[in-house]
C-alpha atoms as a PDB file:
ATOM      1  CA  UNK A   1       1.032 -11.597  -0.696  1.00  0.00           C
ATOM      2  CA  UNK A   2       4.692 -12.314  -2.036  1.00  0.00           C
ATOM      3  CA  UNK A   3       6.701 -14.485  -0.174  1.00  0.00           C
ATOM      4  CA  UNK A   4       9.522 -11.759   0.045  1.00  0.00           C
ATOM      5  CA  UNK A   5       7.131  -9.395   1.625  1.00  0.00           C
ATOM      6  CA  UNK A   6       6.051 -12.238   4.170  1.00  0.00           C
ATOM      7  CA  UNK A   7       9.644 -12.836   4.874  1.00  0.00           C
ATOM      8  CA  UNK A   8      10.374  -9.190   5.617  1.00  0.00           C
ATOM      9  CA  UNK A   9       7.279  -8.881   7.499  1.00  0.00           C
ATOM     10  CA  UNK A  10       8.396 -11.662   9.718  1.00  0.00           C
ATOM     11  CA  UNK A  11      11.764 -10.203  10.015  1.00  0.00           C
ATOM     12  CA  UNK A  12      10.262  -6.704  11.027  1.00  0.00           C
ATOM     13  CA  UNK A  13       8.334  -8.607  13.652  1.00  0.00           C
ATOM     14  CA  UNK A  14      10.726 -10.517  15.046  1.00  0.00           C
ATOM     15  CA  UNK A  15      11.307  -7.875  17.932  1.00  0.00           C
ATOM     16  CA  UNK A  16       7.687  -8.708  19.258  1.00  0.00           C
ATOM     17  CA  UNK A  17       8.980 -12.268  20.369  1.00  0.00           C
ATOM     18  CA  UNK A  18      12.147 -11.223  21.759  1.00  0.00           C
ATOM     19  CA  UNK A  19      10.965 -11.854  25.220  1.00  0.00           C
ATOM     20  CA  UNK A  20       9.278 -15.301  24.459  1.00  0.00           C
ATOM     21  CA  UNK A  21      11.399 -18.352  25.143  1.00  0.00           C
ATOM     22  CA  UNK A  22      10.775 -21.354  23.319  1.00  0.00           C
ATOM     23  CA  UNK A  23       9.585 -23.048  26.529  1.00  0.00           C
ATOM     24  CA  UNK A  24       7.395 -20.256  27.780  1.00  0.00           C
ATOM     25  CA  UNK A  25       3.587 -20.575  27.451  1.00  0.00           C
ATOM     26  CA  UNK A  26       2.006 -17.857  25.523  1.00  0.00           C
ATOM     27  CA  UNK A  27      -0.733 -15.645  26.887  1.00  0.00           C
ATOM     28  CA  UNK A  28      -4.090 -15.860  25.580  1.00  0.00           C
ATOM     29  CA  UNK A  29      -4.294 -13.975  21.995  1.00  0.00           C
ATOM     30  CA  UNK A  30      -0.440 -13.536  21.803  1.00  0.00           C
ATOM     31  CA  UNK A  31       1.189 -14.219  18.485  1.00  0.00           C
ATOM     32  CA  UNK A  32       2.929 -17.534  18.488  1.00  0.00           C
ATOM     33  CA  UNK A  33       3.809 -18.134  14.772  1.00  0.00           C
ATOM     34  CA  UNK A  34       3.649 -16.750  11.415  1.00  0.00           C
ATOM     35  CA  UNK A  35       3.318 -19.270   8.661  1.00  0.00           C
ATOM     36  CA  UNK A  36       3.268 -19.489   4.472  1.00  0.00           C
ATOM     37  CA  UNK A  37       2.723 -22.503   2.396  1.00  0.00           C
ATOM     38  CA  UNK A  38      -0.442 -23.681   0.407  1.00  0.00           C
ATOM     39  CA  UNK A  39      -3.195 -26.156  -0.392  1.00  0.00           C
ATOM     40  CA  UNK A  40      -3.245 -28.581  -3.102  1.00  0.00           C
ATOM     41  CA  UNK A  41      -6.764 -29.682  -4.173  1.00  0.00           C
ATOM     42  CA  UNK A  42      -7.162 -33.739  -4.431  1.00  0.00           C
ATOM     43  CA  UNK A  43     -10.785 -33.681  -5.387  1.00  0.00           C
ATOM     44  CA  UNK A  44     -13.784 -31.194  -6.278  1.00  0.00           C
ATOM     45  CA  UNK A  45     -14.373 -30.519  -2.705  1.00  0.00           C
ATOM     46  CA  UNK A  46     -11.355 -31.351  -0.669  1.00  0.00           C
ATOM     47  CA  UNK A  47      -7.328 -31.219  -0.491  1.00  0.00           C
ATOM     48  CA  UNK A  48      -4.364 -31.172   1.593  1.00  0.00           C
ATOM     49  CA  UNK A  49      -3.323 -27.861   3.405  1.00  0.00           C
ATOM     50  CA  UNK A  50       0.630 -27.940   3.800  1.00  0.00           C
ATOM     51  CA  UNK A  51       2.284 -24.601   5.364  1.00  0.00           C
ATOM     52  CA  UNK A  52       5.527 -23.944   7.632  1.00  0.00           C
ATOM     53  CA  UNK A  53       6.161 -21.521  10.412  1.00  0.00           C
ATOM     54  CA  UNK A  54       8.438 -18.539   9.472  1.00  0.00           C
ATOM     55  CA  UNK A  55       8.647 -17.628  13.158  1.00  0.00           C
ATOM     56  CA  UNK A  56       7.789 -19.795  16.273  1.00  0.00           C
ATOM     57  CA  UNK A  57       7.872 -18.328  19.626  1.00  0.00           C
ATOM     58  CA  UNK A  58      11.117 -16.677  19.504  1.00  0.00           C
ATOM     59  CA  UNK A  59      12.580 -19.089  16.982  1.00  0.00           C
ATOM     60  CA  UNK A  60      13.332 -17.056  13.683  1.00  0.00           C
ATOM     61  CA  UNK A  61      14.248 -18.512  10.062  1.00  0.00           C
ATOM     62  CA  UNK A  62      17.785 -19.658  11.187  1.00  0.00           C
ATOM     63  CA  UNK A  63      16.220 -22.303  13.365  1.00  0.00           C
ATOM     64  CA  UNK A  64      13.220 -23.253  11.182  1.00  0.00           C
ATOM     65  CA  UNK A  65      15.154 -23.953   7.775  1.00  0.00           C
ATOM     66  CA  UNK A  66      18.172 -25.440   6.426  1.00  0.00           C
ATOM     67  CA  UNK A  67      20.743 -23.082   4.934  1.00  0.00           C
ATOM     68  CA  UNK A  68      21.315 -22.823   1.195  1.00  0.00           C
ATOM     69  CA  UNK A  69      24.572 -21.124   1.150  1.00  0.00           C
ATOM     70  CA  UNK A  70      24.753 -18.515   3.607  1.00  0.00           C
ATOM     71  CA  UNK A  71      20.812 -17.903   4.427  1.00  0.00           C
ATOM     72  CA  UNK A  72      18.088 -19.795   5.245  1.00  0.00           C
ATOM     73  CA  UNK A  73      16.257 -21.627   2.314  1.00  0.00           C
ATOM     74  CA  UNK A  74      12.568 -20.423   2.950  1.00  0.00           C
ATOM     75  CA  UNK A  75      10.265 -23.212   1.378  1.00  0.00           C
ATOM     76  CA  UNK A  76       8.704 -26.693   2.381  1.00  0.00           C
ATOM     77  CA  UNK A  77      11.523 -28.622   1.148  1.00  0.00           C
ATOM     78  CA  UNK A  78      13.760 -26.948   3.601  1.00  0.00           C
ATOM     79  CA  UNK A  79      11.544 -26.495   6.592  1.00  0.00           C
ATOM     80  CA  UNK A  80      12.091 -28.532   9.577  1.00  0.00           C
ATOM     81  CA  UNK A  81       8.507 -28.199  10.658  1.00  0.00           C
ATOM     82  CA  UNK A  82       5.468 -28.695   8.338  1.00  0.00           C
ATOM     83  CA  UNK A  83       1.634 -28.194   9.012  1.00  0.00           C
ATOM     84  CA  UNK A  84      -0.356 -30.807   7.303  1.00  0.00           C
ATOM     85  CA  UNK A  85      -4.260 -31.130   7.530  1.00  0.00           C
ATOM     86  CA  UNK A  86      -6.830 -32.856   4.855  1.00  0.00           C
ATOM     87  CA  UNK A  87      -9.849 -30.682   4.510  1.00  0.00           C
ATOM     88  CA  UNK A  88     -12.836 -30.309   2.635  1.00  0.00           C
ATOM     89  CA  UNK A  89     -14.312 -27.003   1.407  1.00  0.00           C
ATOM     90  CA  UNK A  90     -18.308 -27.289   1.141  1.00  0.00           C
ATOM     91  CA  UNK A  91     -19.993 -24.313  -0.821  1.00  0.00           C
ATOM     92  CA  UNK A  92     -22.972 -23.079   1.381  1.00  0.00           C
ATOM     93  CA  UNK A  93     -26.172 -22.895  -0.188  1.00  0.00           C
ATOM     94  CA  UNK A  94     -27.277 -19.323  -2.057  1.00  0.00           C
ATOM     95  CA  UNK A  95     -28.285 -16.273  -0.322  1.00  0.00           C
ATOM     96  CA  UNK A  96     -29.510 -13.006  -0.891  1.00  0.00           C
ATOM     97  CA  UNK A  97     -27.038 -10.602  -1.842  1.00  0.00           C
ATOM     98  CA  UNK A  98     -27.423  -6.521  -1.591  1.00  0.00           C
ATOM     99  CA  UNK A  99     -28.329  -4.942  -4.855  1.00  0.00           C
ATOM    100  CA  UNK A 100     -24.730  -3.683  -5.253  1.00  0.00           C
ATOM    101  CA  UNK A 101     -23.231  -6.779  -4.950  1.00  0.00           C
ATOM    102  CA  UNK A 102     -21.081  -8.190  -7.977  1.00  0.00           C
ATOM    103  CA  UNK A 103     -22.685 -11.817  -7.132  1.00  0.00           C
ATOM    104  CA  UNK A 104     -19.209 -13.111  -6.445  1.00  0.00           C
ATOM    105  CA  UNK A 105     -19.656 -13.179  -2.857  1.00  0.00           C
ATOM    106  CA  UNK A 106     -19.088 -17.100  -1.847  1.00  0.00           C
ATOM    107  CA  UNK A 107     -18.979 -18.989   1.563  1.00  0.00           C
ATOM    108  CA  UNK A 108     -17.212 -22.454   2.081  1.00  0.00           C
ATOM    109  CA  UNK A 109     -17.646 -24.296   5.157  1.00  0.00           C
ATOM    110  CA  UNK A 110     -14.209 -26.298   5.992  1.00  0.00           C
ATOM    111  CA  UNK A 111     -15.725 -28.735   8.613  1.00  0.00           C
ATOM    112  CA  UNK A 112     -13.891 -30.209  11.666  1.00  0.00           C
ATOM    113  CA  UNK A 113     -10.804 -32.002  10.778  1.00  0.00           C
ATOM    114  CA  UNK A 114      -7.381 -33.144  12.270  1.00  0.00           C
ATOM    115  CA  UNK A 115      -4.053 -31.928  11.892  1.00  0.00           C
ATOM    116  CA  UNK A 116      -0.279 -32.996  12.389  1.00  0.00           C
ATOM    117  CA  UNK A 117       2.709 -30.683  12.542  1.00  0.00           C
ATOM    118  CA  UNK A 118       5.772 -32.919  11.468  1.00  0.00           C
ATOM    119  CA  UNK A 119       9.395 -32.446  12.277  1.00  0.00           C
ATOM    120  CA  UNK A 120      12.449 -33.593  10.111  1.00  0.00           C
ATOM    121  CA  UNK A 121      15.942 -32.751  10.769  1.00  0.00           C
ATOM    122  CA  UNK A 122      16.660 -33.675   7.037  1.00  0.00           C
ATOM    123  CA  UNK A 123      13.906 -32.308   5.091  1.00  0.00           C
ATOM    124  CA  UNK A 124      15.090 -32.633   1.871  1.00  0.00           C
ATOM    125  CA  UNK A 125      14.608 -36.378   2.195  1.00  0.00           C
ATOM    126  CA  UNK A 126      10.797 -35.860   2.246  1.00  0.00           C
ATOM    127  CA  UNK A 127       8.798 -37.410  -0.928  1.00  0.00           C
ATOM    128  CA  UNK A 128       5.923 -34.976  -2.138  1.00  0.00           C
ATOM    129  CA  UNK A 129       4.794 -37.191  -5.238  1.00  0.00           C
ATOM    130  CA  UNK A 130       2.239 -38.941  -3.438  1.00  0.00           C
ATOM    131  CA  UNK A 131       0.581 -36.522  -0.558  1.00  0.00           C
ATOM    132  CA  UNK A 132      -1.255 -39.620   1.071  1.00  0.00           C
ATOM    133  CA  UNK A 133       2.425 -41.130   1.587  1.00  0.00           C
ATOM    134  CA  UNK A 134       3.704 -39.227   4.525  1.00  0.00           C
ATOM    135  CA  UNK A 135       6.046 -41.943   5.872  1.00  0.00           C
ATOM    136  CA  UNK A 136       8.976 -39.533   4.922  1.00  0.00           C
ATOM    137  CA  UNK A 137       7.636 -36.435   6.178  1.00  0.00           C
ATOM    138  CA  UNK A 138       9.424 -36.843   9.625  1.00  0.00           C
ATOM    139  CA  UNK A 139       8.060 -37.502  13.099  1.00  0.00           C
ATOM    140  CA  UNK A 140       4.788 -36.404  14.319  1.00  0.00           C
ATOM    141  CA  UNK A 141       5.375 -33.661  17.172  1.00  0.00           C
ATOM    142  CA  UNK A 142       2.007 -32.194  17.836  1.00  0.00           C
ATOM    143  CA  UNK A 143      -1.755 -33.264  16.830  1.00  0.00           C
ATOM    144  CA  UNK A 144      -4.711 -30.764  16.720  1.00  0.00           C
ATOM    145  CA  UNK A 145      -8.376 -30.922  16.296  1.00  0.00           C
ATOM    146  CA  UNK A 146      -8.598 -28.480  13.565  1.00  0.00           C
ATOM    147  CA  UNK A 147     -12.121 -26.813  14.244  1.00  0.00           C
ATOM    148  CA  UNK A 148     -14.705 -25.602  11.771  1.00  0.00           C
ATOM    149  CA  UNK A 149     -13.997 -22.563   9.860  1.00  0.00           C
ATOM    150  CA  UNK A 150     -15.684 -20.446   6.963  1.00  0.00           C
ATOM    151  CA  UNK A 151     -13.770 -19.605   4.068  1.00  0.00           C
ATOM    152  CA  UNK A 152     -15.182 -16.331   2.672  1.00  0.00           C
ATOM    153  CA  UNK A 153     -14.290 -14.878  -0.698  1.00  0.00           C
ATOM    154  CA  UNK A 154     -15.342 -12.024  -2.770  1.00  0.00           C
ATOM    155  CA  UNK A 155     -14.457 -13.069  -6.130  1.00  0.00           C
ATOM    156  CA  UNK A 156     -16.174 -16.466  -6.609  1.00  0.00           C
ATOM    157  CA  UNK A 157     -13.529 -18.340  -4.239  1.00  0.00           C
ATOM    158  CA  UNK A 158     -10.292 -17.330  -6.117  1.00  0.00           C
ATOM    159  CA  UNK A 159      -9.044 -15.500  -3.172  1.00  0.00           C
ATOM    160  CA  UNK A 160     -10.461 -15.282   0.372  1.00  0.00           C
ATOM    161  CA  UNK A 161      -9.608 -15.371   4.347  1.00  0.00           C
ATOM    162  CA  UNK A 162     -10.455 -17.880   6.869  1.00  0.00           C
ATOM    163  CA  UNK A 163     -10.245 -18.260  10.608  1.00  0.00           C
ATOM    164  CA  UNK A 164     -10.211 -21.165  12.775  1.00  0.00           C
ATOM    165  CA  UNK A 165      -8.748 -22.694  15.943  1.00  0.00           C
ATOM    166  CA  UNK A 166      -6.750 -26.044  16.314  1.00  0.00           C
ATOM    167  CA  UNK A 167      -7.157 -27.343  19.820  1.00  0.00           C
ATOM    168  CA  UNK A 168      -3.712 -29.333  20.907  1.00  0.00           C
ATOM    169  CA  UNK A 169      -4.235 -33.069  21.400  1.00  0.00           C
ATOM    170  CA  UNK A 170      -0.809 -34.350  22.164  1.00  0.00           C
ATOM    171  CA  UNK A 171       2.890 -33.338  21.539  1.00  0.00           C
ATOM    172  CA  UNK A 172       6.317 -34.448  21.953  1.00  0.00           C
ATOM    173  CA  UNK A 173       9.836 -32.663  22.453  1.00  0.00           C
ATOM    174  CA  UNK A 174      12.373 -32.241  19.622  1.00  0.00           C
ATOM    175  CA  UNK A 175      15.363 -30.390  18.939  1.00  0.00           C
ATOM    176  CA  UNK A 176      16.047 -27.338  16.669  1.00  0.00           C
ATOM    177  CA  UNK A 177      19.915 -26.578  16.374  1.00  0.00           C
ATOM    178  CA  UNK A 178      20.283 -27.862  19.840  1.00  0.00           C
ATOM    179  CA  UNK A 179      17.438 -26.100  21.485  1.00  0.00           C
ATOM    180  CA  UNK A 180      14.555 -28.443  22.886  1.00  0.00           C
ATOM    181  CA  UNK A 181      11.166 -27.331  21.847  1.00  0.00           C
ATOM    182  CA  UNK A 182       7.550 -28.904  22.738  1.00  0.00           C
ATOM    183  CA  UNK A 183       4.376 -27.416  21.374  1.00  0.00           C
ATOM    184  CA  UNK A 184       2.579 -28.092  24.891  1.00  0.00           C
ATOM    185  CA  UNK A 185       4.952 -25.571  26.579  1.00  0.00           C
ATOM    186  CA  UNK A 186       3.985 -22.743  23.963  1.00  0.00           C
ATOM    187  CA  UNK A 187       0.450 -23.763  23.066  1.00  0.00           C
ATOM    188  CA  UNK A 188      -0.819 -25.923  25.868  1.00  0.00           C
ATOM    189  CA  UNK A 189      -4.377 -25.317  24.791  1.00  0.00           C
ATOM    190  CA  UNK A 190      -3.848 -24.834  20.866  1.00  0.00           C
ATOM    191  CA  UNK A 191      -4.112 -21.911  18.816  1.00  0.00           C
ATOM    192  CA  UNK A 192      -6.455 -19.592  16.525  1.00  0.00           C
ATOM    193  CA  UNK A 193      -5.029 -18.953  12.978  1.00  0.00           C
ATOM    194  CA  UNK A 194      -5.920 -16.141  10.528  1.00  0.00           C
ATOM    195  CA  UNK A 195      -4.915 -16.894   6.900  1.00  0.00           C
ATOM    196  CA  UNK A 196      -5.528 -15.665   3.682  1.00  0.00           C
ATOM    197  CA  UNK A 197      -4.894 -17.270   0.334  1.00  0.00           C
ATOM    198  CA  UNK A 198      -5.185 -16.976  -3.409  1.00  0.00           C
ATOM    199  CA  UNK A 199      -5.257 -19.661  -6.042  1.00  0.00           C
ATOM    200  CA  UNK A 200      -6.909 -21.451  -8.917  1.00  0.00           C
ATOM    201  CA  UNK A 201      -8.699 -24.695  -9.445  1.00  0.00           C
ATOM    202  CA  UNK A 202      -5.559 -26.654  -8.853  1.00  0.00           C
ATOM    203  CA  UNK A 203      -4.689 -25.135  -5.395  1.00  0.00           C
ATOM    204  CA  UNK A 204      -3.753 -22.005  -3.709  1.00  0.00           C
ATOM    205  CA  UNK A 205      -0.919 -19.783  -2.016  1.00  0.00           C
ATOM    206  CA  UNK A 206      -1.738 -19.174   1.741  1.00  0.00           C
ATOM    207  CA  UNK A 207       0.055 -17.073   4.580  1.00  0.00           C
ATOM    208  CA  UNK A 208      -1.209 -16.245   7.989  1.00  0.00           C
ATOM    209  CA  UNK A 209      -0.722 -15.949  11.790  1.00  0.00           C
ATOM    210  CA  UNK A 210      -1.555 -17.867  15.019  1.00  0.00           C
ATOM    211  CA  UNK A 211      -2.419 -16.697  18.476  1.00  0.00           C
ATOM    212  CA  UNK A 212      -2.555 -18.908  21.717  1.00  0.00           C
ATOM    213  CA  UNK A 213      -6.057 -19.854  22.816  1.00  0.00           C
ATOM    214  CA  UNK A 214      -6.937 -19.819  26.600  1.00  0.00           C
ATOM    215  CA  UNK A 215      -8.167 -22.932  28.303  1.00  0.00           C
ATOM    216  CA  UNK A 216     -11.651 -23.866  28.326  1.00  0.00           C
ATOM    217  CA  UNK A 217     -13.769 -22.909  31.259  1.00  0.00           C
END
C-alpha cells in the first residue's frame, strides 16, 4: 500500500480516536495506533524491523513528526517515535498443498524476541548507517516482549501478513509538543499488531495497526 494511501486512511480514521485521551487506558481490542515502516535484512534469516506510528491514541501526525514547511514530514527521519525490533524469520518445513495451489504458499516462524520504542525530540540527528549502533536513536520510552508469530505468504515470501502480540515490560513518560505521554497509561498490558508487507531480498515495506490487549488471567 502506498504511503499516501496509508496517510489518508489514518486521517479518515482519526475521528474514531477523538474520545481517547493520550493518558487514558484503551479497552481490550480497541485500536491504539496505526503504523508504517519496514524491515532491513541483515542475514539470510533475520533483520531489523523499524516502524513509526501515524496515529497514537488521539495524537495525530502533527504531534508525531517534525514539520517540513507547513506539514509533518512522514518518514522515519522525522518521526519522534520509532519501534525497533531484531527478528528471525525461519521457513517452515514443506507441507502438503492442495492440488490447485501454485506452490508459492509459504510460512515463516518469527520467534519471540524483544522490541523497544525510542523517542527523540530531534529525530534528524539519528544515524542510520550502522543499525546495531542505536546510541543516537533517542531515549527508550517503552520495552516489550515481542511474542512469536507466523508470516504467511502466497507468493513465495515476497509479500504477506503477520499477527503477533507485544507485551509491555516497562515504560517511562515523555513529552510530545507539550503533551505528557506514557505507554503504560494507554496500553498497560501491551498490544496485538496486524501487519502486511511487501519487498525483496533486501528488505520490505510494512504497514498495519495495533489493538490493546487485556490483562492475563
